[in-house]
PDB file of N, CA and C in Angstrom:
ATOM      1  N   MET A   1       0.844  -1.156   0.000  1.00  0.00           N
ATOM      2  CA  MET A   1       0.000   0.000   0.000  1.00  0.00           C
ATOM      3  C   MET A   1       0.897   1.229   0.000  1.00  0.00           C
ATOM      4  N   ILE A   2       0.634   2.147  -0.866  1.00  0.00           N
ATOM      5  CA  ILE A   2       1.406   3.390  -0.931  1.00  0.00           C
ATOM      6  C   ILE A   2       0.492   4.522  -0.488  1.00  0.00           C
ATOM      7  N   SER A   3       0.832   5.112   0.641  1.00  0.00           N
ATOM      8  CA  SER A   3       0.046   6.214   1.192  1.00  0.00           C
ATOM      9  C   SER A   3       0.831   6.865   2.313  1.00  0.00           C
ATOM     10  N   SER A   4       0.583   8.132   2.540  1.00  0.00           N
ATOM     11  CA  SER A   4       1.195   8.828   3.678  1.00  0.00           C
ATOM     12  C   SER A   4       0.665   8.290   4.997  1.00  0.00           C
ATOM     13  N   TRP A   5      -0.466   7.602   4.967  1.00  0.00           N
ATOM     14  CA  TRP A   5      -1.065   7.050   6.176  1.00  0.00           C
ATOM     15  C   TRP A   5      -0.934   5.536   6.273  1.00  0.00           C
ATOM     16  N   ALA A   6      -0.205   4.921   5.351  1.00  0.00           N
ATOM     17  CA  ALA A   6      -0.009   3.471   5.424  1.00  0.00           C
ATOM     18  C   ALA A   6       0.831   3.137   6.653  1.00  0.00           C
ATOM     19  N   ARG A   7       0.546   2.003   7.250  1.00  0.00           N
ATOM     20  CA  ARG A   7       1.317   1.566   8.415  1.00  0.00           C
ATOM     21  C   ARG A   7       2.737   1.234   7.967  1.00  0.00           C
ATOM     22  N   LYS A   8       3.694   1.753   8.682  1.00  0.00           N
ATOM     23  CA  LYS A   8       5.099   1.551   8.327  1.00  0.00           C
ATOM     24  C   LYS A   8       5.501   0.099   8.571  1.00  0.00           C
ATOM     25  N   ALA A   9       6.128  -0.493   7.575  1.00  0.00           N
ATOM     26  CA  ALA A   9       6.667  -1.861   7.633  1.00  0.00           C
ATOM     27  C   ALA A   9       5.591  -2.890   7.981  1.00  0.00           C
ATOM     28  N   PHE A  10       4.363  -2.629   7.599  1.00  0.00           N
ATOM     29  CA  PHE A  10       3.245  -3.532   7.892  1.00  0.00           C
ATOM     30  C   PHE A  10       3.009  -4.453   6.716  1.00  0.00           C
ATOM     31  N   ILE A  11       2.936  -5.737   6.975  1.00  0.00           N
ATOM     32  CA  ILE A  11       2.632  -6.724   5.932  1.00  0.00           C
ATOM     33  C   ILE A  11       1.284  -7.338   6.274  1.00  0.00           C
ATOM     34  N   ASP A  12       0.329  -7.112   5.417  1.00  0.00           N
ATOM     35  CA  ASP A  12      -1.014  -7.633   5.625  1.00  0.00           C
ATOM     36  C   ASP A  12      -1.199  -8.846   4.729  1.00  0.00           C
ATOM     37  N   LYS A  13      -1.497  -9.985   5.326  1.00  0.00           N
ATOM     38  CA  LYS A  13      -1.604 -11.221   4.552  1.00  0.00           C
ATOM     39  C   LYS A  13      -3.047 -11.644   4.313  1.00  0.00           C
ATOM     40  N   GLN A  14      -3.986 -10.738   4.573  1.00  0.00           N
ATOM     41  CA  GLN A  14      -5.379 -11.111   4.358  1.00  0.00           C
ATOM     42  C   GLN A  14      -5.703 -11.184   2.865  1.00  0.00           C
ATOM     43  N   GLU A  15      -6.655 -12.011   2.547  1.00  0.00           N
ATOM     44  CA  GLU A  15      -7.123 -12.133   1.171  1.00  0.00           C
ATOM     45  C   GLU A  15      -8.254 -11.136   0.969  1.00  0.00           C
ATOM     46  N   LEU A  16      -8.186 -10.370  -0.108  1.00  0.00           N
ATOM     47  CA  LEU A  16      -9.176  -9.327  -0.380  1.00  0.00           C
ATOM     48  C   LEU A  16      -9.995  -9.660  -1.618  1.00  0.00           C
ATOM     49  N   SER A  17     -11.264  -9.309  -1.567  1.00  0.00           N
ATOM     50  CA  SER A  17     -12.094  -9.395  -2.768  1.00  0.00           C
ATOM     51  C   SER A  17     -12.107  -8.027  -3.439  1.00  0.00           C
ATOM     52  N   HIS A  18     -12.589  -7.972  -4.661  1.00  0.00           N
ATOM     53  CA  HIS A  18     -12.659  -6.689  -5.365  1.00  0.00           C
ATOM     54  C   HIS A  18     -13.574  -5.706  -4.642  1.00  0.00           C
ATOM     55  N   ASP A  19     -14.624  -6.217  -4.018  1.00  0.00           N
ATOM     56  CA  ASP A  19     -15.550  -5.357  -3.287  1.00  0.00           C
ATOM     57  C   ASP A  19     -14.899  -4.690  -2.083  1.00  0.00           C
ATOM     58  N   ALA A  20     -13.809  -5.221  -1.566  1.00  0.00           N
ATOM     59  CA  ALA A  20     -13.146  -4.628  -0.401  1.00  0.00           C
ATOM     60  C   ALA A  20     -12.660  -3.209  -0.713  1.00  0.00           C
ATOM     61  N   TYR A  21     -12.253  -2.972  -1.947  1.00  0.00           N
ATOM     62  CA  TYR A  21     -11.784  -1.635  -2.339  1.00  0.00           C
ATOM     63  C   TYR A  21     -12.945  -0.650  -2.397  1.00  0.00           C
ATOM     64  N   LEU A  22     -14.086  -1.079  -2.965  1.00  0.00           N
ATOM     65  CA  LEU A  22     -15.269  -0.218  -3.001  1.00  0.00           C
ATOM     66  C   LEU A  22     -15.781   0.061  -1.594  1.00  0.00           C
ATOM     67  N   LYS A  23     -15.796  -0.980  -0.756  1.00  0.00           N
ATOM     68  CA  LYS A  23     -16.266  -0.812   0.625  1.00  0.00           C
ATOM     69  C   LYS A  23     -15.367   0.167   1.375  1.00  0.00           C
ATOM     70  N   PHE A  24     -14.060   0.081   1.167  1.00  0.00           N
ATOM     71  CA  PHE A  24     -13.124   0.999   1.813  1.00  0.00           C
ATOM     72  C   PHE A  24     -13.428   2.444   1.419  1.00  0.00           C
ATOM     73  N   MET A  25     -13.636   2.691   0.134  1.00  0.00           N
ATOM     74  CA  MET A  25     -13.920   4.052  -0.333  1.00  0.00           C
ATOM     75  C   MET A  25     -15.243   4.565   0.239  1.00  0.00           C
ATOM     76  N   GLU A  26     -16.253   3.706   0.293  1.00  0.00           N
ATOM     77  CA  GLU A  26     -17.521   4.125   0.867  1.00  0.00           C
ATOM     78  C   GLU A  26     -17.386   4.374   2.368  1.00  0.00           C
ATOM     79  N   ASP A  27     -16.638   3.532   3.058  1.00  0.00           N
ATOM     80  CA  ASP A  27     -16.438   3.703   4.502  1.00  0.00           C
ATOM     81  C   ASP A  27     -15.725   5.018   4.806  1.00  0.00           C
ATOM     82  N   ILE A  28     -14.720   5.368   4.018  1.00  0.00           N
ATOM     83  CA  ILE A  28     -13.929   6.572   4.274  1.00  0.00           C
ATOM     84  C   ILE A  28     -14.630   7.831   3.764  1.00  0.00           C
ATOM     85  N   PHE A  29     -15.071   7.818   2.519  1.00  0.00           N
ATOM     86  CA  PHE A  29     -15.561   9.034   1.882  1.00  0.00           C
ATOM     87  C   PHE A  29     -17.075   9.240   1.980  1.00  0.00           C
ATOM     88  N   CYS A  30     -17.832   8.188   2.306  1.00  0.00           N
ATOM     89  CA  CYS A  30     -19.292   8.301   2.411  1.00  0.00           C
ATOM     90  C   CYS A  30     -19.774   7.980   3.827  1.00  0.00           C
ATOM     91  N   ASN A  31     -18.847   7.974   4.792  1.00  0.00           N
ATOM     92  CA  ASN A  31     -19.177   7.680   6.190  1.00  0.00           C
ATOM     93  C   ASN A  31     -19.923   6.362   6.355  1.00  0.00           C
ATOM     94  N   GLY A  32     -19.542   5.365   5.563  1.00  0.00           N
ATOM     95  CA  GLY A  32     -20.131   4.041   5.672  1.00  0.00           C
ATOM     96  C   GLY A  32     -21.429   3.852   4.925  1.00  0.00           C
ATOM     97  N   GLN A  33     -21.977   4.924   4.370  1.00  0.00           N
ATOM     98  CA  GLN A  33     -23.214   4.811   3.603  1.00  0.00           C
ATOM     99  C   GLN A  33     -22.900   4.153   2.270  1.00  0.00           C
ATOM    100  N   ARG A  34     -23.715   3.184   1.884  1.00  0.00           N
ATOM    101  CA  ARG A  34     -23.476   2.459   0.644  1.00  0.00           C
ATOM    102  C   ARG A  34     -24.058   3.201  -0.545  1.00  0.00           C
ATOM    103  N   ILE A  35     -23.269   3.317  -1.602  1.00  0.00           N
ATOM    104  CA  ILE A  35     -23.719   3.919  -2.852  1.00  0.00           C
ATOM    105  C   ILE A  35     -24.654   2.918  -3.529  1.00  0.00           C
ATOM    106  N   ARG A  36     -25.730   3.407  -4.080  1.00  0.00           N
ATOM    107  CA  ARG A  36     -26.719   2.547  -4.747  1.00  0.00           C
ATOM    108  C   ARG A  36     -26.505   2.567  -6.257  1.00  0.00           C
ATOM    109  N   THR A  37     -26.769   1.434  -6.885  1.00  0.00           N
ATOM    110  CA  THR A  37     -26.734   1.366  -8.343  1.00  0.00           C
ATOM    111  C   THR A  37     -28.021   1.983  -8.884  1.00  0.00           C
ATOM    112  N   THR A  38     -28.116   2.097 -10.193  1.00  0.00           N
ATOM    113  CA  THR A  38     -29.303   2.727 -10.793  1.00  0.00           C
ATOM    114  C   THR A  38     -30.573   1.932 -10.534  1.00  0.00           C
ATOM    115  N   ASP A  39     -30.454   0.630 -10.247  1.00  0.00           N
ATOM    116  CA  ASP A  39     -31.654  -0.163  -9.947  1.00  0.00           C
ATOM    117  C   ASP A  39     -31.896  -0.310  -8.443  1.00  0.00           C
ATOM    118  N   GLY A  40     -31.152   0.464  -7.621  1.00  0.00           N
ATOM    119  CA  GLY A  40     -31.410   0.502  -6.195  1.00  0.00           C
ATOM    120  C   GLY A  40     -30.598  -0.446  -5.336  1.00  0.00           C
ATOM    121  N   ARG A  41     -29.840  -1.333  -5.965  1.00  0.00           N
ATOM    122  CA  ARG A  41     -29.014  -2.263  -5.185  1.00  0.00           C
ATOM    123  C   ARG A  41     -27.780  -1.546  -4.664  1.00  0.00           C
ATOM    124  N   PRO A  42     -27.257  -1.943  -3.485  1.00  0.00           N
ATOM    125  CA  PRO A  42     -26.004  -1.348  -3.002  1.00  0.00           C
ATOM    126  C   PRO A  42     -24.846  -1.754  -3.909  1.00  0.00           C
ATOM    127  N   SER A  43     -23.848  -0.872  -4.052  1.00  0.00           N
ATOM    128  CA  SER A  43     -22.715  -1.159  -4.924  1.00  0.00           C
ATOM    129  C   SER A  43     -21.839  -2.266  -4.349  1.00  0.00           C
ATOM    130  N   VAL A  44     -21.880  -2.448  -3.033  1.00  0.00           N
ATOM    131  CA  VAL A  44     -21.060  -3.465  -2.375  1.00  0.00           C
ATOM    132  C   VAL A  44     -21.977  -4.517  -1.775  1.00  0.00           C
ATOM    133  N   ARG A  45     -21.704  -5.768  -2.091  1.00  0.00           N
ATOM    134  CA  ARG A  45     -22.457  -6.867  -1.503  1.00  0.00           C
ATOM    135  C   ARG A  45     -21.680  -7.341  -0.281  1.00  0.00           C
ATOM    136  N   GLU A  46     -22.038  -6.803   0.885  1.00  0.00           N
ATOM    137  CA  GLU A  46     -21.253  -7.010   2.094  1.00  0.00           C
ATOM    138  C   GLU A  46     -21.153  -8.475   2.495  1.00  0.00           C
ATOM    139  N   ASP A  47     -22.097  -9.303   2.084  1.00  0.00           N
ATOM    140  CA  ASP A  47     -22.015 -10.716   2.434  1.00  0.00           C
ATOM    141  C   ASP A  47     -20.916 -11.427   1.643  1.00  0.00           C
ATOM    142  N   LEU A  48     -20.388 -10.786   0.596  1.00  0.00           N
ATOM    143  CA  LEU A  48     -19.343 -11.394  -0.219  1.00  0.00           C
ATOM    144  C   LEU A  48     -17.985 -10.714  -0.075  1.00  0.00           C
ATOM    145  N   VAL A  49     -17.923  -9.597   0.660  1.00  0.00           N
ATOM    146  CA  VAL A  49     -16.668  -8.859   0.813  1.00  0.00           C
ATOM    147  C   VAL A  49     -15.700  -9.679   1.663  1.00  0.00           C
ATOM    148  N   ARG A  50     -14.477  -9.836   1.164  1.00  0.00           N
ATOM    149  CA  ARG A  50     -13.411 -10.509   1.918  1.00  0.00           C
ATOM    150  C   ARG A  50     -12.327  -9.502   2.216  1.00  0.00           C
ATOM    151  N   GLY A  51     -11.973  -9.373   3.482  1.00  0.00           N
ATOM    152  CA  GLY A  51     -10.894  -8.485   3.884  1.00  0.00           C
ATOM    153  C   GLY A  51     -11.380  -7.084   4.196  1.00  0.00           C
ATOM    154  N   ASP A  52     -10.518  -6.316   4.836  1.00  0.00           N
ATOM    155  CA  ASP A  52     -10.837  -4.942   5.209  1.00  0.00           C
ATOM    156  C   ASP A  52      -9.578  -4.107   5.047  1.00  0.00           C
ATOM    157  N   LEU A  53      -9.612  -3.170   4.118  1.00  0.00           N
ATOM    158  CA  LEU A  53      -8.445  -2.335   3.837  1.00  0.00           C
ATOM    159  C   LEU A  53      -8.123  -1.359   4.953  1.00  0.00           C
ATOM    160  N   LEU A  54      -9.019  -1.171   5.904  1.00  0.00           N
ATOM    161  CA  LEU A  54      -8.734  -0.261   7.017  1.00  0.00           C
ATOM    162  C   LEU A  54      -7.534  -0.725   7.836  1.00  0.00           C
ATOM    163  N   TYR A  55      -7.233  -2.026   7.821  1.00  0.00           N
ATOM    164  CA  TYR A  55      -6.064  -2.542   8.542  1.00  0.00           C
ATOM    165  C   TYR A  55      -4.754  -2.026   7.943  1.00  0.00           C
ATOM    166  N   GLU A  56      -4.780  -1.593   6.714  1.00  0.00           N
ATOM    167  CA  GLU A  56      -3.574  -1.131   6.018  1.00  0.00           C
ATOM    168  C   GLU A  56      -3.128   0.265   6.462  1.00  0.00           C
ATOM    169  N   PHE A  57      -4.043   1.010   7.079  1.00  0.00           N
ATOM    170  CA  PHE A  57      -3.797   2.430   7.350  1.00  0.00           C
ATOM    171  C   PHE A  57      -3.825   2.744   8.840  1.00  0.00           C
ATOM    172  N   ASP A  58      -3.174   3.840   9.183  1.00  0.00           N
ATOM    173  CA  ASP A  58      -3.263   4.418  10.522  1.00  0.00           C
ATOM    174  C   ASP A  58      -3.544   5.904  10.325  1.00  0.00           C
ATOM    175  N   PHE A  59      -4.822   6.281  10.320  1.00  0.00           N
ATOM    176  CA  PHE A  59      -5.213   7.659  10.043  1.00  0.00           C
ATOM    177  C   PHE A  59      -4.976   8.590  11.224  1.00  0.00           C
ATOM    178  N   TRP A  60      -4.568   8.039  12.368  1.00  0.00           N
ATOM    179  CA  TRP A  60      -4.283   8.868  13.539  1.00  0.00           C
ATOM    180  C   TRP A  60      -2.815   9.252  13.615  1.00  0.00           C
ATOM    181  N   GLN A  61      -1.970   8.625  12.799  1.00  0.00           N
ATOM    182  CA  GLN A  61      -0.553   8.981  12.798  1.00  0.00           C
ATOM    183  C   GLN A  61      -0.333  10.257  11.996  1.00  0.00           C
ATOM    184  N   GLN A  62       0.764  10.926  12.264  1.00  0.00           N
ATOM    185  CA  GLN A  62       1.162  12.080  11.462  1.00  0.00           C
ATOM    186  C   GLN A  62       1.519  11.569  10.060  1.00  0.00           C
ATOM    187  N   PRO A  63       0.936  12.126   8.998  1.00  0.00           N
ATOM    188  CA  PRO A  63       1.273  11.637   7.655  1.00  0.00           C
ATOM    189  C   PRO A  63       2.772  11.760   7.395  1.00  0.00           C
ATOM    190  N   ARG A  64       3.343  10.698   6.847  1.00  0.00           N
ATOM    191  CA  ARG A  64       4.771  10.712   6.543  1.00  0.00           C
ATOM    192  C   ARG A  64       5.033  11.466   5.255  1.00  0.00           C
ATOM    193  N   ASP A  65       6.235  12.026   5.160  1.00  0.00           N
ATOM    194  CA  ASP A  65       6.652  12.697   3.926  1.00  0.00           C
ATOM    195  C   ASP A  65       6.783  11.668   2.807  1.00  0.00           C
ATOM    196  N   PRO A  66       6.533  12.072   1.568  1.00  0.00           N
ATOM    197  CA  PRO A  66       6.690  11.128   0.468  1.00  0.00           C
ATOM    198  C   PRO A  66       8.141  10.715   0.290  1.00  0.00           C
ATOM    199  N   MET A  67       8.325   9.471  -0.136  1.00  0.00           N
ATOM    200  CA  MET A  67       9.674   8.979  -0.436  1.00  0.00           C
ATOM    201  C   MET A  67      10.093   9.477  -1.802  1.00  0.00           C
ATOM    202  N   ARG A  68      11.303   9.887  -1.921  1.00  0.00           N
ATOM    203  CA  ARG A  68      11.839  10.286  -3.224  1.00  0.00           C
ATOM    204  C   ARG A  68      12.617   9.105  -3.791  1.00  0.00           C
ATOM    205  N   ILE A  69      12.236   8.682  -4.960  1.00  0.00           N
ATOM    206  CA  ILE A  69      12.924   7.581  -5.616  1.00  0.00           C
ATOM    207  C   ILE A  69      13.578   8.132  -6.867  1.00  0.00           C
ATOM    208  N   GLY A  70      14.870   8.061  -6.922  1.00  0.00           N
ATOM    209  CA  GLY A  70      15.591   8.614  -8.065  1.00  0.00           C
ATOM    210  C   GLY A  70      16.276   7.528  -8.877  1.00  0.00           C
ATOM    211  N   CYS A  71      16.634   7.870 -10.048  1.00  0.00           N
ATOM    212  CA  CYS A  71      17.360   6.946 -10.937  1.00  0.00           C
ATOM    213  C   CYS A  71      18.779   7.480 -11.120  1.00  0.00           C
ATOM    214  N   GLY A  72      19.673   7.070 -10.243  1.00  0.00           N
ATOM    215  CA  GLY A  72      21.081   7.411 -10.398  1.00  0.00           C
ATOM    216  C   GLY A  72      21.456   8.814 -10.013  1.00  0.00           C
ATOM    217  N   ASP A  73      20.623   9.532  -9.281  1.00  0.00           N
ATOM    218  CA  ASP A  73      21.036  10.876  -8.890  1.00  0.00           C
ATOM    219  C   ASP A  73      21.353  10.983  -7.424  1.00  0.00           C
TER     220      ASP A  73
END
């Protein structure tokens, strides 16, 4: 995970489904409210979601500075 809020030196071995990414975005940016499709179904089928991306982050830590990666300089 690449983020200023990613846990430092953390290795997460959980298995994730594709819905875990949508659920993470809804949890963070929509306060847990599920986005509905045009036919009224929720975008995330919570009974099928595997894993939780919230374990990857520590939003209470001071954001770290970005790493500079150079090529030979």
